[in-house]
Amino acid sequence: MLKIIMDAMGGDHAPVEIVRGAVDALADRSDFKVILTGDEALIKHELDKYEHNASRIEIVGCTQVITNDDVPTHAVRAKRDSSLVVGLNILKNDISAGGFVSAGSTGAVLTGGIMFIGRIKGVMRPALCPGIPNVRGSMTLLCDCGANAECKPQYLAQFGLMASAYARAAYGVENPRVGLLTNGTEEHKGDPLHQEAHQLLKQMQGINFVGNIEGRDIMYGDVDVAVADGFSGNIALKAIEGCGKTVAEMLKKEFTASFTRKLSYLVAKKSISGLSNALDYSRFGGSVFLGLKKVVVKSHGSSKAKSIKPSIYQAIDACKGGLIGMMEDMLAKTSEQNENA
C-alpha cells in the first residue's frame, strides 16, 4: 500500500493539527498508510484522542526539530535526526513511499528536497505550485510561488511544462491552458525576462500556451496554469490570501454593526460561509514542489487539520496519477525538440 510520510513536528500547530489531519484523511480514504516522524510520545498522545486504524499508522521517533529560526542549509545538514530530514530519507529509500507532507520551514523543505530527493533529470529549478480558487469553481495552479525569486526565461518555460503535467496527473485536466503572469495581456508586454519566456512557451510542444495573463486572471480568467517567477508569484499568492481575509473581516464588521444587520446575517449566513470558503486557497492543501524525483508537498506554516488533509490527498493523487513519470517524459521530449531545432 502507498505510504505518505508526514513531518509531524513541522508547522505552527504541530503535532496537534498534523496528527488530526492525518487521522481525518485516513478515515476518508483507504488507499494509503501514513508514517509520522517526530516526537514519539507527543504523537502517541495526540493519536490517543481519536479512533483510528493503528495498522495504517506508523510512528518513526526523532529527537530534533527544524524551526523557522534555523538557517535552512545548516539545519538540514546538522539536524539529521529531525522530523523533516528523517521523513525525506524515508521517502527517498522506501520504494512504497510515494509522498512527503510538511508544514515546516519552507527553506528547509526546499533545501532538503533537493539535497535528499534530488531533481528529475533535465529540471533546471524545482518550483512551488499551489492551487488557487477561481471563479469557475475549480482551481488555477500558480507556478512558481516562491522557490525561485530570480529566474531565467528557460525556468519559466519549464514551470509551464511541469505545472501542466501536474494538472493532468493529479486533477485530470486533459489539456491545461497555460498563461504567463505579467503586466499586460499583449505579447510585447513585460520586461525582457517575460518577453523571452513568452516566446519560449509559445514554441514549446506539449503544452497549451494561451499567452500573457494579468494578476486578476489567476482567479477570474480562463487558465488552468499561471506561470510566474517566484518573486511575483509569492506576492500574488499573499495578495490573494490577504484579499480573502479582508473580505471575511469586512463582512463580519458589516453584519455585526447593528441589531438589524445581525438579523440579516442569520439569513445570509450560509451564503457568506460559502463565499469565505470559496476564497480560501488552503482548502486545496499545500504547494507541491515540482521537479523532484518524488512528490513533496509544502503546507502553509499555519495549516490546521482542514488544510493538512487535502495536502495528503495532493501527495496521493499526484503519485497515483503518475506525475513523476509524466514530467520525465515531457522533459525528455522537450530536450529532444531542442536538440533537433
C-alpha atoms as a PDB file:
ATOM      1  CA  MET A   1       0.000   0.000   0.000  1.00  0.00           C
ATOM      2  CA  LEU A   2       1.165   3.527  -0.794  1.00  0.00           C
ATOM      3  CA  LYS A   3       2.821   5.318   2.119  1.00  0.00           C
ATOM      4  CA  ILE A   4       2.664   9.057   2.762  1.00  0.00           C
ATOM      5  CA  ILE A   5       5.366  10.419   5.060  1.00  0.00           C
ATOM      6  CA  MET A   6       4.366  13.290   7.343  1.00  0.00           C
ATOM      7  CA  ASP A   7       6.595  15.685   9.242  1.00  0.00           C
ATOM      8  CA  ALA A   8       4.564  15.643  12.457  1.00  0.00           C
ATOM      9  CA  MET A   9       6.657  18.372  14.098  1.00  0.00           C
ATOM     10  CA  GLY A  10       6.563  20.916  11.253  1.00  0.00           C
ATOM     11  CA  GLY A  11       4.328  23.984  11.441  1.00  0.00           C
ATOM     12  CA  ASP A  12       2.820  26.361  13.959  1.00  0.00           C
ATOM     13  CA  HIS A  13       0.278  23.815  15.218  1.00  0.00           C
ATOM     14  CA  ALA A  14       2.401  20.665  15.266  1.00  0.00           C
ATOM     15  CA  PRO A  15       1.882  17.933  16.198  1.00  0.00           C
ATOM     16  CA  VAL A  16      -1.778  18.554  17.167  1.00  0.00           C
ATOM     17  CA  GLU A  17      -3.167  19.584  13.773  1.00  0.00           C
ATOM     18  CA  ILE A  18      -0.804  17.381  11.769  1.00  0.00           C
ATOM     19  CA  VAL A  19      -1.956  14.241  13.560  1.00  0.00           C
ATOM     20  CA  ARG A  20      -5.603  15.273  13.383  1.00  0.00           C
ATOM     21  CA  GLY A  21      -5.305  15.928   9.646  1.00  0.00           C
ATOM     22  CA  ALA A  22      -3.706  12.513   9.131  1.00  0.00           C
ATOM     23  CA  VAL A  23      -6.440  10.730  11.106  1.00  0.00           C
ATOM     24  CA  ASP A  24      -9.180  12.589   9.185  1.00  0.00           C
ATOM     25  CA  ALA A  25      -7.601  11.671   5.851  1.00  0.00           C
ATOM     26  CA  LEU A  26      -7.229   8.013   6.826  1.00  0.00           C
ATOM     27  CA  ALA A  27     -10.899   7.885   7.803  1.00  0.00           C
ATOM     28  CA  ASP A  28     -11.999   9.142   4.380  1.00  0.00           C
ATOM     29  CA  ARG A  29      -9.706   7.138   2.113  1.00  0.00           C
ATOM     30  CA  SER A  30      -8.488   3.569   2.361  1.00  0.00           C
ATOM     31  CA  ASP A  31      -5.775   3.604  -0.321  1.00  0.00           C
ATOM     32  CA  PHE A  32      -2.746   4.673   1.737  1.00  0.00           C
ATOM     33  CA  LYS A  33      -0.826   4.443   5.000  1.00  0.00           C
ATOM     34  CA  VAL A  34       0.819   7.223   6.994  1.00  0.00           C
ATOM     35  CA  ILE A  35       4.263   7.401   8.568  1.00  0.00           C
ATOM     36  CA  LEU A  36       4.506  10.171  11.167  1.00  0.00           C
ATOM     37  CA  THR A  37       8.025  11.374  12.021  1.00  0.00           C
ATOM     38  CA  GLY A  38       8.726  13.280  15.217  1.00  0.00           C
ATOM     39  CA  ASP A  39       8.498  13.111  18.998  1.00  0.00           C
ATOM     40  CA  GLU A  40       7.016   9.647  19.561  1.00  0.00           C
ATOM     41  CA  ALA A  41       5.433  10.418  22.931  1.00  0.00           C
ATOM     42  CA  LEU A  42       3.738  13.584  21.696  1.00  0.00           C
ATOM     43  CA  ILE A  43       2.452  11.882  18.553  1.00  0.00           C
ATOM     44  CA  LYS A  44       1.053   8.952  20.532  1.00  0.00           C
ATOM     45  CA  HIS A  45      -0.613  11.376  22.935  1.00  0.00           C
ATOM     46  CA  GLU A  46      -2.412  13.048  20.028  1.00  0.00           C
ATOM     47  CA  LEU A  47      -3.359   9.765  18.355  1.00  0.00           C
ATOM     48  CA  ASP A  48      -4.940   8.543  21.584  1.00  0.00           C
ATOM     49  CA  LYS A  49      -7.546  11.303  21.233  1.00  0.00           C
ATOM     50  CA  TYR A  50      -9.053   9.704  18.121  1.00  0.00           C
ATOM     51  CA  GLU A  51     -10.408   6.407  16.941  1.00  0.00           C
ATOM     52  CA  HIS A  52      -8.097   5.206  14.184  1.00  0.00           C
ATOM     53  CA  ASN A  53      -6.808   2.108  12.431  1.00  0.00           C
ATOM     54  CA  ALA A  54      -3.423   1.578  14.063  1.00  0.00           C
ATOM     55  CA  SER A  55      -2.356  -0.788  11.282  1.00  0.00           C
ATOM     56  CA  ARG A  56      -2.324   2.142   8.853  1.00  0.00           C
ATOM     57  CA  ILE A  57      -0.230   4.470  11.007  1.00  0.00           C
ATOM     58  CA  GLU A  58       3.458   4.108  11.803  1.00  0.00           C
ATOM     59  CA  ILE A  59       5.488   6.394  14.053  1.00  0.00           C
ATOM     60  CA  VAL A  60       9.195   6.955  13.486  1.00  0.00           C
ATOM     61  CA  GLY A  61      10.677   8.662  16.536  1.00  0.00           C
ATOM     62  CA  CYS A  62      13.037  11.632  16.107  1.00  0.00           C
ATOM     63  CA  THR A  63      14.901  13.763  18.629  1.00  0.00           C
ATOM     64  CA  GLN A  64      15.250  17.028  16.693  1.00  0.00           C
ATOM     65  CA  VAL A  65      13.050  19.650  15.074  1.00  0.00           C
ATOM     66  CA  ILE A  66      13.954  22.210  12.409  1.00  0.00           C
ATOM     67  CA  THR A  67      12.278  25.551  13.168  1.00  0.00           C
ATOM     68  CA  ASN A  68      11.754  28.738  11.170  1.00  0.00           C
ATOM     69  CA  ASP A  69      14.546  30.331  13.209  1.00  0.00           C
ATOM     70  CA  ASP A  70      17.101  27.839  11.861  1.00  0.00           C
ATOM     71  CA  VAL A  71      19.212  28.621   8.809  1.00  0.00           C
ATOM     72  CA  PRO A  72      17.793  26.061   6.337  1.00  0.00           C
ATOM     73  CA  THR A  73      21.018  24.802   4.746  1.00  0.00           C
ATOM     74  CA  HIS A  74      22.813  24.489   8.067  1.00  0.00           C
ATOM     75  CA  ALA A  75      19.811  22.925   9.828  1.00  0.00           C
ATOM     76  CA  VAL A  76      19.267  20.276   7.149  1.00  0.00           C
ATOM     77  CA  ARG A  77      22.924  19.265   7.343  1.00  0.00           C
ATOM     78  CA  ALA A  78      23.256  19.454  11.137  1.00  0.00           C
ATOM     79  CA  LYS A  79      19.890  18.119  12.338  1.00  0.00           C
ATOM     80  CA  ARG A  80      19.956  14.697  10.710  1.00  0.00           C
ATOM     81  CA  ASP A  81      17.568  13.281  13.334  1.00  0.00           C
ATOM     82  CA  SER A  82      14.952  15.969  12.744  1.00  0.00           C
ATOM     83  CA  SER A  83      11.426  15.003  11.735  1.00  0.00           C
ATOM     84  CA  LEU A  84      11.901  16.701   8.372  1.00  0.00           C
ATOM     85  CA  VAL A  85      15.220  15.096   7.401  1.00  0.00           C
ATOM     86  CA  VAL A  86      14.224  11.645   8.674  1.00  0.00           C
ATOM     87  CA  GLY A  87      10.974  11.882   6.711  1.00  0.00           C
ATOM     88  CA  LEU A  88      12.737  12.850   3.488  1.00  0.00           C
ATOM     89  CA  ASN A  89      15.200   9.995   3.881  1.00  0.00           C
ATOM     90  CA  ILE A  90      12.334   7.520   4.293  1.00  0.00           C
ATOM     91  CA  LEU A  91      10.741   8.958   1.160  1.00  0.00           C
ATOM     92  CA  LYS A  92      13.990   8.506  -0.723  1.00  0.00           C
ATOM     93  CA  ASN A  93      14.780   4.974   0.407  1.00  0.00           C
ATOM     94  CA  ASP A  94      11.373   3.284   0.787  1.00  0.00           C
ATOM     95  CA  ILE A  95      10.075   2.182  -2.612  1.00  0.00           C
ATOM     96  CA  SER A  96       6.488   2.135  -1.329  1.00  0.00           C
ATOM     97  CA  ALA A  97       6.720   5.731  -0.058  1.00  0.00           C
ATOM     98  CA  GLY A  98       5.050   7.965  -2.611  1.00  0.00           C
ATOM     99  CA  GLY A  99       4.911  11.384  -0.996  1.00  0.00           C
ATOM    100  CA  PHE A 100       6.029  13.643   1.840  1.00  0.00           C
ATOM    101  CA  VAL A 101       3.997  16.389   3.550  1.00  0.00           C
ATOM    102  CA  SER A 102       5.400  19.117   5.812  1.00  0.00           C
ATOM    103  CA  ALA A 103       4.122  22.404   7.195  1.00  0.00           C
ATOM    104  CA  GLY A 104       7.608  23.197   8.472  1.00  0.00           C
ATOM    105  CA  SER A 105      10.216  25.708   7.341  1.00  0.00           C
ATOM    106  CA  THR A 106       9.805  26.378   3.622  1.00  0.00           C
ATOM    107  CA  GLY A 107      13.528  26.906   3.157  1.00  0.00           C
ATOM    108  CA  ALA A 108      14.348  23.646   4.915  1.00  0.00           C
ATOM    109  CA  VAL A 109      11.777  21.676   2.895  1.00  0.00           C
ATOM    110  CA  LEU A 110      13.153  23.073  -0.363  1.00  0.00           C
ATOM    111  CA  THR A 111      16.777  22.533   0.653  1.00  0.00           C
ATOM    112  CA  GLY A 112      16.112  19.048   1.997  1.00  0.00           C
ATOM    113  CA  GLY A 113      14.048  18.083  -1.024  1.00  0.00           C
ATOM    114  CA  ILE A 114      16.849  18.951  -3.426  1.00  0.00           C
ATOM    115  CA  MET A 115      19.567  17.503  -1.182  1.00  0.00           C
ATOM    116  CA  PHE A 116      17.950  14.168  -0.299  1.00  0.00           C
ATOM    117  CA  ILE A 117      15.378  13.504  -3.033  1.00  0.00           C
ATOM    118  CA  GLY A 118      17.116  15.195  -5.942  1.00  0.00           C
ATOM    119  CA  ARG A 119      15.886  16.761  -9.147  1.00  0.00           C
ATOM    120  CA  ILE A 120      14.421  14.924 -12.108  1.00  0.00           C
ATOM    121  CA  LYS A 121      16.891  14.805 -14.986  1.00  0.00           C
ATOM    122  CA  GLY A 122      16.596  17.971 -17.037  1.00  0.00           C
ATOM    123  CA  VAL A 123      14.914  20.093 -14.350  1.00  0.00           C
ATOM    124  CA  MET A 124      16.731  23.411 -14.065  1.00  0.00           C
ATOM    125  CA  ARG A 125      14.899  24.668 -10.973  1.00  0.00           C
ATOM    126  CA  PRO A 126      12.152  22.949  -8.946  1.00  0.00           C
ATOM    127  CA  ALA A 127       9.136  25.177  -8.266  1.00  0.00           C
ATOM    128  CA  LEU A 128       6.361  25.500  -5.696  1.00  0.00           C
ATOM    129  CA  CYS A 129       2.893  25.086  -7.165  1.00  0.00           C
ATOM    130  CA  PRO A 130      -0.256  25.720  -5.068  1.00  0.00           C
ATOM    131  CA  GLY A 131      -3.860  25.649  -6.267  1.00  0.00           C
ATOM    132  CA  ILE A 132      -5.745  28.965  -6.244  1.00  0.00           C
ATOM    133  CA  PRO A 133      -9.580  29.068  -6.244  1.00  0.00           C
ATOM    134  CA  ASN A 134     -11.078  30.577  -9.381  1.00  0.00           C
ATOM    135  CA  VAL A 135     -14.440  31.912 -10.492  1.00  0.00           C
ATOM    136  CA  ARG A 136     -15.182  28.699 -12.413  1.00  0.00           C
ATOM    137  CA  GLY A 137     -15.373  26.756  -9.156  1.00  0.00           C
ATOM    138  CA  SER A 138     -12.139  24.878  -9.784  1.00  0.00           C
ATOM    139  CA  MET A 139      -8.531  25.957  -9.275  1.00  0.00           C
ATOM    140  CA  THR A 140      -5.687  27.635 -11.115  1.00  0.00           C
ATOM    141  CA  LEU A 141      -2.204  26.253 -10.468  1.00  0.00           C
ATOM    142  CA  LEU A 142       0.296  29.031  -9.677  1.00  0.00           C
ATOM    143  CA  CYS A 143       3.847  28.045 -10.562  1.00  0.00           C
ATOM    144  CA  ASP A 144       6.181  29.333  -9.051  1.00  0.00           C
ATOM    145  CA  CYS A 145       5.009  30.924  -5.788  1.00  0.00           C
ATOM    146  CA  GLY A 146       8.329  31.466  -4.013  1.00  0.00           C
ATOM    147  CA  ALA A 147      11.041  28.885  -4.601  1.00  0.00           C
ATOM    148  CA  ASN A 148      12.888  30.957  -7.230  1.00  0.00           C
ATOM    149  CA  ALA A 149      12.897  34.711  -6.663  1.00  0.00           C
ATOM    150  CA  GLU A 150      15.241  35.258  -9.615  1.00  0.00           C
ATOM    151  CA  CYS A 151      14.516  33.405 -12.830  1.00  0.00           C
ATOM    152  CA  LYS A 152      15.733  32.935 -16.371  1.00  0.00           C
ATOM    153  CA  PRO A 153      13.283  32.648 -19.282  1.00  0.00           C
ATOM    154  CA  GLN A 154      14.082  28.929 -19.570  1.00  0.00           C
ATOM    155  CA  TYR A 155      12.971  28.391 -15.964  1.00  0.00           C
ATOM    156  CA  LEU A 156       9.587  29.976 -16.612  1.00  0.00           C
ATOM    157  CA  ALA A 157       9.052  27.875 -19.723  1.00  0.00           C
ATOM    158  CA  GLN A 158       9.850  24.747 -17.746  1.00  0.00           C
ATOM    159  CA  PHE A 159       7.480  25.796 -14.945  1.00  0.00           C
ATOM    160  CA  GLY A 160       4.700  25.791 -17.526  1.00  0.00           C
ATOM    161  CA  LEU A 161       5.596  22.277 -18.583  1.00  0.00           C
ATOM    162  CA  MET A 162       5.860  20.880 -15.033  1.00  0.00           C
ATOM    163  CA  ALA A 163       2.604  22.506 -13.885  1.00  0.00           C
ATOM    164  CA  SER A 164       0.843  21.166 -16.993  1.00  0.00           C
ATOM    165  CA  ALA A 165       1.992  17.663 -16.048  1.00  0.00           C
ATOM    166  CA  TYR A 166       0.714  18.225 -12.502  1.00  0.00           C
ATOM    167  CA  ALA A 167      -2.701  19.414 -13.735  1.00  0.00           C
ATOM    168  CA  ARG A 168      -3.022  16.294 -15.880  1.00  0.00           C
ATOM    169  CA  ALA A 169      -1.689  13.764 -13.373  1.00  0.00           C
ATOM    170  CA  ALA A 170      -3.348  14.933 -10.162  1.00  0.00           C
ATOM    171  CA  TYR A 171      -6.507  16.666 -11.384  1.00  0.00           C
ATOM    172  CA  GLY A 172      -7.308  15.029 -14.717  1.00  0.00           C
ATOM    173  CA  VAL A 173      -7.183  18.224 -16.786  1.00  0.00           C
ATOM    174  CA  GLU A 174      -6.609  16.828 -20.270  1.00  0.00           C
ATOM    175  CA  ASN A 175      -5.233  19.925 -21.992  1.00  0.00           C
ATOM    176  CA  PRO A 176      -4.348  22.551 -19.347  1.00  0.00           C
ATOM    177  CA  ARG A 177      -4.453  26.155 -20.540  1.00  0.00           C
ATOM    178  CA  VAL A 178      -1.188  27.867 -19.576  1.00  0.00           C
ATOM    179  CA  GLY A 179      -0.777  31.627 -19.141  1.00  0.00           C
ATOM    180  CA  LEU A 180       2.312  33.711 -18.326  1.00  0.00           C
ATOM    181  CA  LEU A 181       1.786  36.160 -15.468  1.00  0.00           C
ATOM    182  CA  THR A 182       2.982  39.643 -16.418  1.00  0.00           C
ATOM    183  CA  ASN A 183       1.771  43.265 -16.566  1.00  0.00           C
ATOM    184  CA  GLY A 184      -0.421  43.020 -19.662  1.00  0.00           C
ATOM    185  CA  THR A 185      -2.013  40.522 -21.990  1.00  0.00           C
ATOM    186  CA  GLU A 186      -0.363  41.795 -25.164  1.00  0.00           C
ATOM    187  CA  GLU A 187       2.511  39.681 -26.451  1.00  0.00           C
ATOM    188  CA  HIS A 188       5.021  42.533 -26.225  1.00  0.00           C
ATOM    189  CA  LYS A 189       4.217  43.393 -22.580  1.00  0.00           C
ATOM    190  CA  GLY A 190       6.629  42.703 -19.720  1.00  0.00           C
ATOM    191  CA  ASP A 191      10.337  43.083 -19.143  1.00  0.00           C
ATOM    192  CA  PRO A 192      12.924  41.229 -21.291  1.00  0.00           C
ATOM    193  CA  LEU A 193      12.659  38.186 -18.988  1.00  0.00           C
ATOM    194  CA  HIS A 194       8.936  37.770 -19.591  1.00  0.00           C
ATOM    195  CA  GLN A 195       9.103  38.708 -23.262  1.00  0.00           C
ATOM    196  CA  GLU A 196      11.651  35.955 -23.901  1.00  0.00           C
ATOM    197  CA  ALA A 197       9.767  33.499 -21.680  1.00  0.00           C
ATOM    198  CA  HIS A 198       6.641  34.208 -23.734  1.00  0.00           C
ATOM    199  CA  GLN A 199       8.419  33.209 -26.924  1.00  0.00           C
ATOM    200  CA  LEU A 200       9.795  30.018 -25.351  1.00  0.00           C
ATOM    201  CA  LEU A 201       6.381  28.998 -24.038  1.00  0.00           C
ATOM    202  CA  LYS A 202       4.835  29.806 -27.409  1.00  0.00           C
ATOM    203  CA  GLN A 203       7.265  27.459 -29.170  1.00  0.00           C
ATOM    204  CA  MET A 204       7.208  24.665 -26.593  1.00  0.00           C
ATOM    205  CA  GLN A 205       5.500  21.480 -27.718  1.00  0.00           C
ATOM    206  CA  GLY A 206       3.344  19.501 -25.330  1.00  0.00           C
ATOM    207  CA  ILE A 207       1.737  22.454 -23.521  1.00  0.00           C
ATOM    208  CA  ASN A 208      -1.302  24.574 -24.367  1.00  0.00           C
ATOM    209  CA  PHE A 209       0.090  28.106 -24.032  1.00  0.00           C
ATOM    210  CA  VAL A 210      -2.612  30.776 -24.407  1.00  0.00           C
ATOM    211  CA  GLY A 211      -0.460  33.891 -23.899  1.00  0.00           C
ATOM    212  CA  ASN A 212       0.102  36.508 -21.219  1.00  0.00           C
ATOM    213  CA  ILE A 213      -2.265  36.983 -18.294  1.00  0.00           C
ATOM    214  CA  GLU A 214      -2.600  39.651 -15.625  1.00  0.00           C
ATOM    215  CA  GLY A 215      -2.875  39.133 -11.874  1.00  0.00           C
ATOM    216  CA  ARG A 216      -6.674  39.216 -11.893  1.00  0.00           C
ATOM    217  CA  ASP A 217      -6.741  36.319 -14.360  1.00  0.00           C
ATOM    218  CA  ILE A 218      -5.370  33.872 -11.753  1.00  0.00           C
ATOM    219  CA  MET A 219      -8.808  33.809 -10.138  1.00  0.00           C
ATOM    220  CA  TYR A 220     -11.028  35.411 -12.765  1.00  0.00           C
ATOM    221  CA  GLY A 221      -9.533  34.243 -16.063  1.00  0.00           C
ATOM    222  CA  ASP A 222      -9.812  31.082 -18.117  1.00  0.00           C
ATOM    223  CA  VAL A 223      -6.456  29.414 -17.467  1.00  0.00           C
ATOM    224  CA  ASP A 224      -5.540  26.258 -15.576  1.00  0.00           C
ATOM    225  CA  VAL A 225      -1.896  27.204 -15.004  1.00  0.00           C
ATOM    226  CA  ALA A 226      -0.406  30.628 -14.240  1.00  0.00           C
ATOM    227  CA  VAL A 227       3.365  30.690 -14.783  1.00  0.00           C
ATOM    228  CA  ALA A 228       5.276  33.183 -12.626  1.00  0.00           C
ATOM    229  CA  ASP A 229       8.730  33.933 -11.353  1.00  0.00           C
ATOM    230  CA  GLY A 230       8.898  33.129  -7.653  1.00  0.00           C
ATOM    231  CA  PHE A 231       9.020  36.781  -6.593  1.00  0.00           C
ATOM    232  CA  SER A 232       5.877  37.820  -8.489  1.00  0.00           C
ATOM    233  CA  GLY A 233       4.146  34.542  -7.706  1.00  0.00           C
ATOM    234  CA  ASN A 234       4.710  34.905  -3.982  1.00  0.00           C
ATOM    235  CA  ILE A 235       3.360  38.450  -3.986  1.00  0.00           C
ATOM    236  CA  ALA A 236       0.304  37.268  -5.931  1.00  0.00           C
ATOM    237  CA  LEU A 237      -0.273  34.390  -3.501  1.00  0.00           C
ATOM    238  CA  LYS A 238      -0.017  36.606  -0.407  1.00  0.00           C
ATOM    239  CA  ALA A 239      -2.241  39.256  -2.009  1.00  0.00           C
ATOM    240  CA  ILE A 240      -4.894  36.615  -2.711  1.00  0.00           C
ATOM    241  CA  GLU A 241      -4.608  35.351   0.866  1.00  0.00           C
ATOM    242  CA  GLY A 242      -4.952  38.893   2.185  1.00  0.00           C
ATOM    243  CA  CYS A 243      -7.942  39.564  -0.073  1.00  0.00           C
ATOM    244  CA  GLY A 244      -9.770  36.526   1.285  1.00  0.00           C
ATOM    245  CA  LYS A 245      -9.139  37.546   4.881  1.00  0.00           C
ATOM    246  CA  THR A 246     -10.118  41.158   4.161  1.00  0.00           C
ATOM    247  CA  VAL A 247     -13.424  40.181   2.580  1.00  0.00           C
ATOM    248  CA  ALA A 248     -14.243  37.910   5.522  1.00  0.00           C
ATOM    249  CA  GLU A 249     -13.376  40.603   8.077  1.00  0.00           C
ATOM    250  CA  MET A 250     -15.311  43.323   6.228  1.00  0.00           C
ATOM    251  CA  LEU A 251     -18.391  41.113   6.017  1.00  0.00           C
ATOM    252  CA  LYS A 252     -18.113  40.362   9.725  1.00  0.00           C
ATOM    253  CA  LYS A 253     -17.965  44.065  10.595  1.00  0.00           C
ATOM    254  CA  GLU A 254     -20.886  44.917   8.324  1.00  0.00           C
ATOM    255  CA  PHE A 255     -23.136  42.218   9.717  1.00  0.00           C
ATOM    256  CA  THR A 256     -22.353  42.988  13.374  1.00  0.00           C
ATOM    257  CA  ALA A 257     -22.683  46.782  13.116  1.00  0.00           C
ATOM    258  CA  SER A 258     -26.282  46.782  14.376  1.00  0.00           C
ATOM    259  CA  PHE A 259     -29.034  44.518  15.637  1.00  0.00           C
ATOM    260  CA  THR A 260     -30.860  44.713  12.306  1.00  0.00           C
ATOM    261  CA  ARG A 261     -27.752  43.679  10.428  1.00  0.00           C
ATOM    262  CA  LYS A 262     -27.202  40.796  12.819  1.00  0.00           C
ATOM    263  CA  LEU A 263     -30.662  39.546  11.888  1.00  0.00           C
ATOM    264  CA  SER A 264     -29.753  39.912   8.211  1.00  0.00           C
ATOM    265  CA  TYR A 265     -26.667  37.843   8.854  1.00  0.00           C
ATOM    266  CA  LEU A 266     -28.778  34.924  10.036  1.00  0.00           C
ATOM    267  CA  VAL A 267     -30.495  34.899   6.648  1.00  0.00           C
ATOM    268  CA  ALA A 268     -27.261  35.276   4.649  1.00  0.00           C
ATOM    269  CA  LYS A 269     -25.035  33.130   6.882  1.00  0.00           C
ATOM    270  CA  LYS A 270     -24.918  30.145   4.529  1.00  0.00           C
ATOM    271  CA  SER A 271     -24.031  32.285   1.517  1.00  0.00           C
ATOM    272  CA  ILE A 272     -21.350  34.171   3.433  1.00  0.00           C
ATOM    273  CA  SER A 273     -19.779  30.945   4.637  1.00  0.00           C
ATOM    274  CA  GLY A 274     -19.789  29.663   1.071  1.00  0.00           C
ATOM    275  CA  LEU A 275     -18.047  32.816  -0.152  1.00  0.00           C
ATOM    276  CA  SER A 276     -15.408  32.644   2.564  1.00  0.00           C
ATOM    277  CA  ASN A 277     -14.744  29.002   1.756  1.00  0.00           C
ATOM    278  CA  ALA A 278     -14.532  29.737  -1.982  1.00  0.00           C
ATOM    279  CA  LEU A 279     -11.827  32.367  -1.385  1.00  0.00           C
ATOM    280  CA  ASP A 280      -9.784  30.122   0.919  1.00  0.00           C
ATOM    281  CA  TYR A 281      -6.973  28.571  -1.128  1.00  0.00           C
ATOM    282  CA  SER A 282      -5.836  26.466   1.845  1.00  0.00           C
ATOM    283  CA  ARG A 283      -8.797  24.130   1.235  1.00  0.00           C
ATOM    284  CA  PHE A 284      -6.831  22.767  -1.728  1.00  0.00           C
ATOM    285  CA  GLY A 285      -3.914  21.815   0.529  1.00  0.00           C
ATOM    286  CA  GLY A 286      -0.332  22.949   0.153  1.00  0.00           C
ATOM    287  CA  SER A 287       2.161  23.641  -2.625  1.00  0.00           C
ATOM    288  CA  VAL A 288       3.639  20.690  -4.486  1.00  0.00           C
ATOM    289  CA  PHE A 289       7.398  21.067  -5.006  1.00  0.00           C
ATOM    290  CA  LEU A 290       7.515  20.243  -8.712  1.00  0.00           C
ATOM    291  CA  GLY A 291      10.695  18.886 -10.273  1.00  0.00           C
ATOM    292  CA  LEU A 292      11.833  16.416  -7.611  1.00  0.00           C
ATOM    293  CA  LYS A 293      12.151  12.654  -8.108  1.00  0.00           C
ATOM    294  CA  LYS A 294       9.311  12.053  -5.642  1.00  0.00           C
ATOM    295  CA  VAL A 295       6.271  14.036  -4.541  1.00  0.00           C
ATOM    296  CA  VAL A 296       6.885  16.636  -1.817  1.00  0.00           C
ATOM    297  CA  VAL A 297       4.062  18.884  -0.563  1.00  0.00           C
ATOM    298  CA  LYS A 298       4.780  22.035   1.440  1.00  0.00           C
ATOM    299  CA  SER A 299       1.770  23.057   3.521  1.00  0.00           C
ATOM    300  CA  HIS A 300       1.335  26.552   4.917  1.00  0.00           C
ATOM    301  CA  GLY A 301       3.106  27.021   8.242  1.00  0.00           C
ATOM    302  CA  SER A 302      -0.168  27.897   9.972  1.00  0.00           C
ATOM    303  CA  SER A 303      -2.018  24.929   8.479  1.00  0.00           C
ATOM    304  CA  LYS A 304      -4.658  23.218  10.562  1.00  0.00           C
ATOM    305  CA  ALA A 305      -6.187  19.792  10.001  1.00  0.00           C
ATOM    306  CA  LYS A 306      -8.583  21.023   7.310  1.00  0.00           C
ATOM    307  CA  SER A 307      -5.573  22.025   5.179  1.00  0.00           C
ATOM    308  CA  ILE A 308      -3.303  19.125   6.138  1.00  0.00           C
ATOM    309  CA  LYS A 309      -5.945  16.641   4.993  1.00  0.00           C
ATOM    310  CA  PRO A 310      -6.078  17.873   1.345  1.00  0.00           C
ATOM    311  CA  SER A 311      -2.283  18.174   1.368  1.00  0.00           C
ATOM    312  CA  ILE A 312      -2.168  14.420   1.951  1.00  0.00           C
ATOM    313  CA  TYR A 313      -4.634  13.914  -0.897  1.00  0.00           C
ATOM    314  CA  GLN A 314      -2.419  16.053  -3.141  1.00  0.00           C
ATOM    315  CA  ALA A 315       0.507  13.729  -2.489  1.00  0.00           C
ATOM    316  CA  ILE A 316      -1.586  10.602  -3.060  1.00  0.00           C
ATOM    317  CA  ASP A 317      -3.228  11.818  -6.269  1.00  0.00           C
ATOM    318  CA  ALA A 318      -0.004  13.182  -7.760  1.00  0.00           C
ATOM    319  CA  CYS A 319       1.768   9.906  -7.054  1.00  0.00           C
ATOM    320  CA  LYS A 320      -1.028   7.643  -8.280  1.00  0.00           C
ATOM    321  CA  GLY A 321      -1.588   9.853 -11.316  1.00  0.00           C
ATOM    322  CA  GLY A 322       1.996   9.245 -12.417  1.00  0.00           C
ATOM    323  CA  LEU A 323       3.217  12.829 -12.004  1.00  0.00           C
ATOM    324  CA  ILE A 324       6.934  11.995 -11.852  1.00  0.00           C
ATOM    325  CA  GLY A 325       6.881   9.758 -14.919  1.00  0.00           C
ATOM    326  CA  MET A 326       4.803  12.289 -16.845  1.00  0.00           C
ATOM    327  CA  MET A 327       7.256  15.095 -16.081  1.00  0.00           C
ATOM    328  CA  GLU A 328      10.168  12.872 -17.082  1.00  0.00           C
ATOM    329  CA  ASP A 329       8.524  12.093 -20.429  1.00  0.00           C
ATOM    330  CA  MET A 330       7.614  15.712 -21.151  1.00  0.00           C
ATOM    331  CA  LEU A 331      11.104  16.937 -20.255  1.00  0.00           C
ATOM    332  CA  ALA A 332      12.703  14.274 -22.435  1.00  0.00           C
ATOM    333  CA  LYS A 333      10.530  15.262 -25.411  1.00  0.00           C
ATOM    334  CA  THR A 334      11.355  18.937 -24.891  1.00  0.00           C
ATOM    335  CA  SER A 335      15.062  18.142 -24.738  1.00  0.00           C
ATOM    336  CA  GLU A 336      14.770  16.153 -27.975  1.00  0.00           C
ATOM    337  CA  GLN A 337      12.861  19.027 -29.574  1.00  0.00           C
ATOM    338  CA  ASN A 338      15.644  21.474 -28.622  1.00  0.00           C
ATOM    339  CA  GLU A 339      18.343  19.155 -29.990  1.00  0.00           C
ATOM    340  CA  ASN A 340      16.544  18.836 -33.318  1.00  0.00           C
ATOM    341  CA  ALA A 341      15.833  22.562 -33.603  1.00  0.00           C
END
